[in-house]
Amino acid sequence: MPAIQLTPAQRKEKRSDAHHLDPVVMIGADGLTPAVVKETDAALNAHGLIKVRVMSDDRENRESIFAELSDKLDAAPIQHIGKLLVLWRPMPEKVKAVREDAKAGPRIVKIVKFSKSGNNRPQVKKLEVFGNQRVAQGGEIKRAKRKMTSTKKSSQNG
């Protein structure tokens, strides 16, 4: 029995989301091998909702593969139609490594200037922009403006 139980409405929504997807994992003549299970697990981690194509003509075999995949991978079986199986598992949250001493570094900005006639190639220029700079309308780099403060307010506060 899979760990994830979905209501019929949730299953219907997942089916409609999976309609346009292409199969990510193909199961051939060897059947459900550990390599196939590993690839299916990786695809579920990456995409959450996947389609699996089983090349076998035996319906009972496809049903057993569907049940076994959903059990082994703790995924919810969404749909089995023909040779396609649809599985869903919530995607794990990605852990972002944060260094305390890291600061925002310069970023590379591409500036494209098109020719006025349209017949020549556009000019592409790569610029390095630091944290206190911005790219202006004409493609030139300007420093960020300081926040304007009133001299009257600063004299009252001090």
N, C-alpha and C. Protein backbone atom coordinates (compact mmCIF):
# COMPACT_ATOMS: atom_id res chain seq x y z
N MET A 1 0.84 -1.18 0.00
CA MET A 1 0.00 0.00 0.00
C MET A 1 0.89 1.25 0.00
N PRO A 2 0.69 2.16 -0.94
CA PRO A 2 1.53 3.36 -0.98
C PRO A 2 1.27 4.26 0.22
N ALA A 3 2.29 5.02 0.59
CA ALA A 3 2.20 5.89 1.75
C ALA A 3 1.31 7.10 1.48
N ILE A 4 1.22 7.52 0.23
CA ILE A 4 0.45 8.72 -0.11
C ILE A 4 -0.94 8.30 -0.58
N GLN A 5 -1.95 8.78 0.08
CA GLN A 5 -3.33 8.54 -0.32
C GLN A 5 -3.91 9.86 -0.83
N LEU A 6 -4.46 9.83 -2.02
CA LEU A 6 -5.05 11.03 -2.62
C LEU A 6 -6.55 10.86 -2.75
N THR A 7 -7.25 11.97 -2.65
CA THR A 7 -8.69 11.94 -2.90
C THR A 7 -8.92 11.86 -4.41
N PRO A 8 -10.09 11.47 -4.83
CA PRO A 8 -10.36 11.42 -6.28
C PRO A 8 -10.18 12.78 -6.97
N ALA A 9 -10.51 13.86 -6.28
CA ALA A 9 -10.34 15.18 -6.88
C ALA A 9 -8.86 15.51 -7.07
N GLN A 10 -8.03 15.16 -6.08
CA GLN A 10 -6.60 15.40 -6.21
C GLN A 10 -6.01 14.54 -7.33
N ARG A 11 -6.45 13.30 -7.41
CA ARG A 11 -5.96 12.40 -8.46
C ARG A 11 -6.36 12.93 -9.84
N LYS A 12 -7.56 13.47 -9.95
CA LYS A 12 -8.04 14.02 -11.21
C LYS A 12 -7.19 15.22 -11.62
N GLU A 13 -6.84 16.06 -10.65
CA GLU A 13 -6.00 17.22 -10.92
C GLU A 13 -4.60 16.79 -11.39
N LYS A 14 -4.04 15.77 -10.75
CA LYS A 14 -2.72 15.27 -11.14
C LYS A 14 -2.77 14.65 -12.54
N ARG A 15 -3.87 13.97 -12.86
CA ARG A 15 -4.01 13.39 -14.21
C ARG A 15 -4.02 14.49 -15.26
N SER A 16 -4.73 15.57 -14.98
CA SER A 16 -4.77 16.66 -15.95
C SER A 16 -3.41 17.35 -16.07
N ASP A 17 -2.66 17.43 -14.96
CA ASP A 17 -1.31 18.01 -15.02
C ASP A 17 -0.36 17.12 -15.81
N ALA A 18 -0.56 15.82 -15.76
CA ALA A 18 0.34 14.87 -16.41
C ALA A 18 -0.01 14.65 -17.88
N HIS A 19 -1.13 15.19 -18.33
CA HIS A 19 -1.59 14.93 -19.69
C HIS A 19 -0.56 15.31 -20.74
N HIS A 20 0.07 16.45 -20.59
CA HIS A 20 1.00 16.95 -21.61
C HIS A 20 2.43 16.42 -21.44
N LEU A 21 2.69 15.66 -20.38
CA LEU A 21 4.05 15.18 -20.11
C LEU A 21 4.43 14.03 -21.04
N ASP A 22 5.72 13.94 -21.31
CA ASP A 22 6.26 12.81 -22.05
C ASP A 22 6.82 11.80 -21.05
N PRO A 23 6.87 10.52 -21.42
CA PRO A 23 7.45 9.53 -20.50
C PRO A 23 8.92 9.83 -20.22
N VAL A 24 9.29 9.78 -18.95
CA VAL A 24 10.66 10.07 -18.53
C VAL A 24 11.44 8.79 -18.37
N VAL A 25 10.78 7.72 -17.94
CA VAL A 25 11.43 6.43 -17.70
C VAL A 25 10.79 5.40 -18.62
N MET A 26 11.63 4.58 -19.25
CA MET A 26 11.15 3.49 -20.11
C MET A 26 11.55 2.16 -19.48
N ILE A 27 10.62 1.26 -19.37
CA ILE A 27 10.90 -0.08 -18.83
C ILE A 27 10.82 -1.06 -19.98
N GLY A 28 11.94 -1.73 -20.26
CA GLY A 28 12.03 -2.63 -21.41
C GLY A 28 11.73 -4.07 -21.07
N ALA A 29 12.38 -4.96 -21.81
CA ALA A 29 12.12 -6.40 -21.70
C ALA A 29 12.64 -6.97 -20.38
N ASP A 30 13.64 -6.34 -19.78
CA ASP A 30 14.19 -6.85 -18.52
C ASP A 30 13.25 -6.61 -17.35
N GLY A 31 12.28 -5.76 -17.51
CA GLY A 31 11.32 -5.50 -16.44
C GLY A 31 11.84 -4.51 -15.42
N LEU A 32 11.39 -4.67 -14.21
CA LEU A 32 11.71 -3.73 -13.14
C LEU A 32 13.03 -4.13 -12.48
N THR A 33 14.11 -3.51 -12.93
CA THR A 33 15.44 -3.78 -12.38
C THR A 33 15.77 -2.71 -11.34
N PRO A 34 16.78 -2.96 -10.50
CA PRO A 34 17.18 -1.93 -9.53
C PRO A 34 17.59 -0.62 -10.20
N ALA A 35 18.17 -0.68 -11.39
CA ALA A 35 18.56 0.53 -12.11
C ALA A 35 17.33 1.34 -12.52
N VAL A 36 16.28 0.64 -12.93
CA VAL A 36 15.04 1.33 -13.33
C VAL A 36 14.40 1.99 -12.10
N VAL A 37 14.42 1.29 -10.97
CA VAL A 37 13.86 1.86 -9.73
C VAL A 37 14.64 3.10 -9.33
N LYS A 38 15.97 3.04 -9.46
CA LYS A 38 16.82 4.18 -9.10
C LYS A 38 16.54 5.37 -10.01
N GLU A 39 16.41 5.13 -11.31
CA GLU A 39 16.12 6.21 -12.26
C GLU A 39 14.74 6.81 -12.01
N THR A 40 13.78 5.97 -11.69
CA THR A 40 12.43 6.46 -11.40
C THR A 40 12.44 7.32 -10.15
N ASP A 41 13.21 6.91 -9.14
CA ASP A 41 13.34 7.69 -7.91
C ASP A 41 13.98 9.05 -8.21
N ALA A 42 15.01 9.06 -9.03
CA ALA A 42 15.67 10.31 -9.40
C ALA A 42 14.72 11.22 -10.17
N ALA A 43 13.92 10.64 -11.06
CA ALA A 43 12.95 11.43 -11.84
C ALA A 43 11.87 12.01 -10.94
N LEU A 44 11.41 11.23 -9.96
CA LEU A 44 10.41 11.73 -9.02
C LEU A 44 10.98 12.87 -8.17
N ASN A 45 12.25 12.76 -7.77
CA ASN A 45 12.87 13.83 -7.00
C ASN A 45 13.00 15.10 -7.83
N ALA A 46 13.29 14.93 -9.12
CA ALA A 46 13.49 16.09 -9.99
C ALA A 46 12.19 16.72 -10.45
N HIS A 47 11.18 15.90 -10.76
CA HIS A 47 9.96 16.42 -11.39
C HIS A 47 8.72 16.33 -10.52
N GLY A 48 8.64 15.35 -9.65
CA GLY A 48 7.45 15.19 -8.81
C GLY A 48 6.38 14.37 -9.48
N LEU A 49 5.99 14.72 -10.69
CA LEU A 49 4.94 14.02 -11.44
C LEU A 49 5.57 13.49 -12.72
N ILE A 50 5.55 12.16 -12.91
CA ILE A 50 6.22 11.59 -14.07
C ILE A 50 5.35 10.55 -14.75
N LYS A 51 5.70 10.30 -16.01
CA LYS A 51 5.10 9.21 -16.76
C LYS A 51 6.16 8.15 -17.00
N VAL A 52 5.76 6.90 -16.89
CA VAL A 52 6.64 5.77 -17.13
C VAL A 52 6.02 4.93 -18.23
N ARG A 53 6.82 4.59 -19.25
CA ARG A 53 6.32 3.74 -20.34
C ARG A 53 6.86 2.33 -20.13
N VAL A 54 5.94 1.36 -20.14
CA VAL A 54 6.30 -0.06 -20.01
C VAL A 54 6.11 -0.69 -21.38
N MET A 55 7.17 -1.31 -21.91
CA MET A 55 7.12 -1.87 -23.26
C MET A 55 6.46 -3.24 -23.32
N SER A 56 6.12 -3.83 -22.20
CA SER A 56 5.53 -5.16 -22.14
C SER A 56 4.08 -5.14 -22.62
N ASP A 57 3.64 -6.22 -23.25
CA ASP A 57 2.26 -6.35 -23.69
C ASP A 57 1.37 -6.99 -22.64
N ASP A 58 1.97 -7.55 -21.59
CA ASP A 58 1.23 -8.26 -20.55
C ASP A 58 0.64 -7.26 -19.55
N ARG A 59 -0.69 -7.17 -19.50
CA ARG A 59 -1.36 -6.19 -18.63
C ARG A 59 -1.10 -6.47 -17.16
N GLU A 60 -1.15 -7.74 -16.76
CA GLU A 60 -0.93 -8.08 -15.35
C GLU A 60 0.49 -7.69 -14.91
N ASN A 61 1.44 -7.87 -15.81
CA ASN A 61 2.82 -7.48 -15.52
C ASN A 61 2.93 -5.97 -15.32
N ARG A 62 2.25 -5.22 -16.17
CA ARG A 62 2.27 -3.74 -16.04
C ARG A 62 1.63 -3.31 -14.73
N GLU A 63 0.51 -3.97 -14.35
CA GLU A 63 -0.15 -3.63 -13.08
C GLU A 63 0.74 -3.94 -11.89
N SER A 64 1.46 -5.06 -11.95
CA SER A 64 2.37 -5.39 -10.84
C SER A 64 3.54 -4.43 -10.77
N ILE A 65 4.05 -3.99 -11.93
CA ILE A 65 5.13 -2.99 -11.96
C ILE A 65 4.64 -1.68 -11.37
N PHE A 66 3.42 -1.30 -11.72
CA PHE A 66 2.83 -0.05 -11.21
C PHE A 66 2.71 -0.09 -9.69
N ALA A 67 2.20 -1.20 -9.17
CA ALA A 67 2.03 -1.33 -7.72
C ALA A 67 3.39 -1.39 -7.01
N GLU A 68 4.34 -2.11 -7.60
CA GLU A 68 5.65 -2.26 -6.98
C GLU A 68 6.42 -0.94 -6.97
N LEU A 69 6.34 -0.17 -8.06
CA LEU A 69 7.01 1.14 -8.10
C LEU A 69 6.42 2.08 -7.06
N SER A 70 5.10 2.11 -6.97
CA SER A 70 4.48 3.03 -6.00
C SER A 70 4.80 2.62 -4.57
N ASP A 71 4.93 1.33 -4.30
CA ASP A 71 5.29 0.87 -2.95
C ASP A 71 6.74 1.16 -2.62
N LYS A 72 7.64 0.81 -3.53
CA LYS A 72 9.07 0.98 -3.26
C LYS A 72 9.48 2.45 -3.13
N LEU A 73 8.84 3.30 -3.90
CA LEU A 73 9.26 4.71 -3.95
C LEU A 73 8.37 5.63 -3.14
N ASP A 74 7.41 5.07 -2.40
CA ASP A 74 6.45 5.87 -1.62
C ASP A 74 5.79 6.94 -2.48
N ALA A 75 5.35 6.53 -3.64
CA ALA A 75 4.70 7.44 -4.58
C ALA A 75 3.22 7.08 -4.69
N ALA A 76 2.44 8.06 -5.09
CA ALA A 76 1.01 7.83 -5.27
C ALA A 76 0.76 7.39 -6.71
N PRO A 77 0.09 6.25 -6.90
CA PRO A 77 -0.27 5.85 -8.27
C PRO A 77 -1.41 6.72 -8.77
N ILE A 78 -1.19 7.43 -9.85
CA ILE A 78 -2.20 8.35 -10.37
C ILE A 78 -3.04 7.68 -11.45
N GLN A 79 -2.37 7.09 -12.45
CA GLN A 79 -3.12 6.56 -13.58
C GLN A 79 -2.33 5.45 -14.27
N HIS A 80 -3.05 4.44 -14.75
CA HIS A 80 -2.47 3.39 -15.58
C HIS A 80 -3.36 3.28 -16.79
N ILE A 81 -2.88 3.79 -17.90
CA ILE A 81 -3.67 3.73 -19.12
C ILE A 81 -2.79 3.19 -20.24
N GLY A 82 -3.15 2.02 -20.73
CA GLY A 82 -2.35 1.38 -21.76
C GLY A 82 -0.99 1.01 -21.22
N LYS A 83 0.05 1.44 -21.91
CA LYS A 83 1.41 1.15 -21.49
C LYS A 83 2.03 2.28 -20.68
N LEU A 84 1.23 3.30 -20.34
CA LEU A 84 1.73 4.45 -19.59
C LEU A 84 1.29 4.38 -18.13
N LEU A 85 2.23 4.65 -17.25
CA LEU A 85 1.95 4.72 -15.82
C LEU A 85 2.27 6.14 -15.37
N VAL A 86 1.42 6.71 -14.54
CA VAL A 86 1.67 8.05 -14.02
C VAL A 86 1.84 7.93 -12.51
N LEU A 87 2.97 8.45 -12.02
CA LEU A 87 3.29 8.43 -10.59
C LEU A 87 3.52 9.84 -10.10
N TRP A 88 3.18 10.07 -8.82
CA TRP A 88 3.40 11.38 -8.21
C TRP A 88 3.94 11.22 -6.80
N ARG A 89 4.87 12.09 -6.48
CA ARG A 89 5.39 12.19 -5.13
C ARG A 89 5.79 13.64 -4.92
N PRO A 90 5.48 14.22 -3.74
CA PRO A 90 5.87 15.61 -3.53
C PRO A 90 7.38 15.77 -3.64
N MET A 91 7.80 16.84 -4.28
CA MET A 91 9.23 17.08 -4.46
C MET A 91 9.85 17.52 -3.15
N PRO A 92 11.04 16.99 -2.80
CA PRO A 92 11.70 17.44 -1.58
C PRO A 92 12.21 18.87 -1.74
N GLU A 93 12.23 19.60 -0.64
CA GLU A 93 12.71 20.98 -0.70
C GLU A 93 14.21 20.97 -0.89
N LYS A 94 14.68 21.84 -1.77
CA LYS A 94 16.11 21.90 -2.04
C LYS A 94 16.80 22.70 -0.96
N VAL A 95 17.89 22.15 -0.44
CA VAL A 95 18.64 22.83 0.61
C VAL A 95 19.69 23.70 -0.05
N LYS A 96 19.67 24.96 0.29
CA LYS A 96 20.60 25.90 -0.29
C LYS A 96 21.72 26.15 0.71
N ALA A 97 22.95 25.91 0.28
CA ALA A 97 24.10 26.11 1.15
C ALA A 97 24.38 27.61 1.25
N VAL A 98 24.44 28.10 2.48
CA VAL A 98 24.67 29.52 2.71
C VAL A 98 25.95 29.67 3.52
N ARG A 99 26.88 30.39 2.95
CA ARG A 99 28.10 30.70 3.68
C ARG A 99 27.92 32.04 4.36
N GLU A 100 28.36 32.13 5.59
CA GLU A 100 28.18 33.37 6.34
C GLU A 100 29.10 34.48 5.86
N ASP A 101 30.28 34.11 5.36
CA ASP A 101 31.22 35.12 4.92
C ASP A 101 31.01 35.52 3.46
N ALA A 102 30.08 34.88 2.76
CA ALA A 102 29.86 35.17 1.35
C ALA A 102 29.04 36.45 1.19
N LYS A 103 29.43 37.23 0.23
CA LYS A 103 28.70 38.46 -0.11
C LYS A 103 28.36 38.41 -1.58
N ALA A 104 27.45 39.27 -1.97
CA ALA A 104 27.07 39.32 -3.37
C ALA A 104 28.25 39.85 -4.19
N GLY A 105 28.61 39.11 -5.20
CA GLY A 105 29.74 39.49 -6.03
C GLY A 105 29.27 40.21 -7.28
N PRO A 106 30.21 40.57 -8.11
CA PRO A 106 29.83 41.23 -9.36
C PRO A 106 29.08 40.26 -10.27
N ARG A 107 28.24 40.81 -11.10
CA ARG A 107 27.51 39.96 -12.04
C ARG A 107 27.82 40.44 -13.46
N ILE A 108 27.79 39.53 -14.37
CA ILE A 108 28.08 39.83 -15.77
C ILE A 108 26.75 40.14 -16.46
N VAL A 109 26.69 41.30 -17.14
CA VAL A 109 25.49 41.73 -17.84
C VAL A 109 25.81 41.84 -19.32
N LYS A 110 24.93 41.29 -20.15
CA LYS A 110 25.10 41.38 -21.60
C LYS A 110 24.27 42.56 -22.10
N ILE A 111 24.91 43.44 -22.85
CA ILE A 111 24.19 44.58 -23.45
C ILE A 111 24.19 44.37 -24.95
N VAL A 112 23.00 44.36 -25.53
CA VAL A 112 22.85 44.14 -26.96
C VAL A 112 22.36 45.44 -27.59
N LYS A 113 23.12 45.94 -28.59
CA LYS A 113 22.71 47.13 -29.34
C LYS A 113 22.45 46.70 -30.77
N PHE A 114 21.22 46.91 -31.22
CA PHE A 114 20.84 46.53 -32.57
C PHE A 114 21.20 47.66 -33.53
N SER A 115 21.48 47.29 -34.78
CA SER A 115 21.81 48.31 -35.78
C SER A 115 20.54 49.06 -36.16
N LYS A 116 20.71 50.32 -36.56
CA LYS A 116 19.54 51.14 -36.87
C LYS A 116 18.86 50.69 -38.15
N SER A 117 19.65 50.19 -39.12
CA SER A 117 19.04 49.75 -40.38
C SER A 117 18.44 48.35 -40.25
N GLY A 118 18.95 47.58 -39.31
CA GLY A 118 18.42 46.22 -39.13
C GLY A 118 19.12 45.20 -40.00
N ASN A 119 20.05 45.63 -40.86
CA ASN A 119 20.74 44.70 -41.75
C ASN A 119 21.99 44.11 -41.12
N ASN A 120 22.61 44.82 -40.20
CA ASN A 120 23.86 44.36 -39.60
C ASN A 120 23.59 43.56 -38.34
N ARG A 121 24.62 42.85 -37.91
CA ARG A 121 24.50 42.08 -36.69
C ARG A 121 24.44 43.01 -35.48
N PRO A 122 23.73 42.59 -34.44
CA PRO A 122 23.72 43.42 -33.22
C PRO A 122 25.07 43.34 -32.52
N GLN A 123 25.44 44.43 -31.85
CA GLN A 123 26.68 44.46 -31.09
C GLN A 123 26.38 43.95 -29.69
N VAL A 124 27.18 42.98 -29.25
CA VAL A 124 27.01 42.39 -27.92
C VAL A 124 28.22 42.77 -27.09
N LYS A 125 27.96 43.37 -25.92
CA LYS A 125 29.03 43.78 -25.04
C LYS A 125 28.73 43.22 -23.65
N LYS A 126 29.74 42.58 -23.03
CA LYS A 126 29.57 42.04 -21.69
C LYS A 126 30.24 42.97 -20.71
N LEU A 127 29.49 43.35 -19.67
CA LEU A 127 30.00 44.27 -18.65
C LEU A 127 29.89 43.63 -17.28
N GLU A 128 30.79 44.01 -16.41
CA GLU A 128 30.76 43.54 -15.03
C GLU A 128 30.11 44.62 -14.18
N VAL A 129 29.02 44.27 -13.52
CA VAL A 129 28.27 45.24 -12.72
C VAL A 129 28.38 44.84 -11.26
N PHE A 130 28.78 45.78 -10.43
CA PHE A 130 28.93 45.53 -9.01
C PHE A 130 27.61 45.81 -8.29
N GLY A 131 27.58 45.54 -7.00
CA GLY A 131 26.35 45.65 -6.23
C GLY A 131 25.76 47.04 -6.16
N ASN A 132 26.60 48.07 -6.19
CA ASN A 132 26.09 49.44 -6.08
C ASN A 132 25.92 50.10 -7.44
N GLN A 133 25.91 49.32 -8.51
CA GLN A 133 25.79 49.87 -9.85
C GLN A 133 24.55 49.34 -10.54
N ARG A 134 24.15 50.08 -11.58
CA ARG A 134 23.02 49.64 -12.39
C ARG A 134 23.30 49.99 -13.83
N VAL A 135 22.59 49.35 -14.75
CA VAL A 135 22.75 49.63 -16.17
C VAL A 135 21.65 50.60 -16.56
N ALA A 136 22.05 51.75 -17.12
CA ALA A 136 21.09 52.78 -17.52
C ALA A 136 20.53 52.46 -18.90
N GLN A 137 19.64 53.32 -19.38
CA GLN A 137 18.93 53.10 -20.62
C GLN A 137 19.87 52.95 -21.81
N GLY A 138 20.89 53.77 -21.93
CA GLY A 138 21.79 53.73 -23.08
C GLY A 138 22.84 52.65 -22.99
N GLY A 139 22.84 51.85 -21.96
CA GLY A 139 23.81 50.80 -21.82
C GLY A 139 25.02 51.21 -21.01
N GLU A 140 24.96 52.36 -20.39
CA GLU A 140 26.08 52.81 -19.57
C GLU A 140 25.83 52.42 -18.12
N ILE A 141 26.91 52.28 -17.39
CA ILE A 141 26.81 51.86 -15.99
C ILE A 141 26.80 53.10 -15.10
N LYS A 142 25.83 53.13 -14.20
CA LYS A 142 25.73 54.25 -13.26
C LYS A 142 25.71 53.69 -11.85
N ARG A 143 26.18 54.50 -10.93
CA ARG A 143 26.11 54.09 -9.53
C ARG A 143 24.70 54.31 -9.02
N ALA A 144 24.32 53.48 -8.08
CA ALA A 144 22.99 53.62 -7.48
C ALA A 144 22.94 54.92 -6.70
N LYS A 145 21.81 55.59 -6.78
CA LYS A 145 21.66 56.88 -6.10
C LYS A 145 21.51 56.67 -4.61
N ARG A 146 22.07 57.59 -3.86
CA ARG A 146 21.90 57.53 -2.41
C ARG A 146 20.48 57.96 -2.06
N LYS A 147 20.01 57.46 -0.96
CA LYS A 147 18.67 57.79 -0.51
C LYS A 147 18.65 59.25 -0.07
N MET A 148 17.72 59.99 -0.61
CA MET A 148 17.61 61.42 -0.30
C MET A 148 16.98 61.59 1.08
N THR A 149 17.62 62.40 1.91
CA THR A 149 17.06 62.71 3.21
C THR A 149 16.96 64.22 3.34
N SER A 150 15.98 64.63 4.03
CA SER A 150 15.75 66.08 4.21
C SER A 150 16.74 66.63 5.22
N THR A 151 17.31 67.79 4.91
CA THR A 151 18.23 68.45 5.86
C THR A 151 17.46 68.95 7.07
N LYS A 152 16.21 69.30 6.84
CA LYS A 152 15.39 69.79 7.95
C LYS A 152 15.12 68.68 8.95
N LYS A 153 14.77 67.46 8.45
CA LYS A 153 14.51 66.33 9.35
C LYS A 153 15.77 65.88 10.07
N SER A 154 16.90 65.88 9.39
CA SER A 154 18.13 65.43 10.04
C SER A 154 18.56 66.41 11.12
N SER A 155 18.29 67.68 10.96
CA SER A 155 18.67 68.65 11.99
C SER A 155 17.73 68.54 13.20
N GLN A 156 16.47 68.14 12.99
CA GLN A 156 15.54 68.01 14.11
C GLN A 156 15.85 66.76 14.94
N ASN A 157 16.28 65.66 14.27
CA ASN A 157 16.56 64.41 14.97
C ASN A 157 17.87 64.48 15.76
N GLY A 158 18.85 65.27 15.31
CA GLY A 158 20.17 65.27 15.94
C GLY A 158 20.25 66.20 17.03
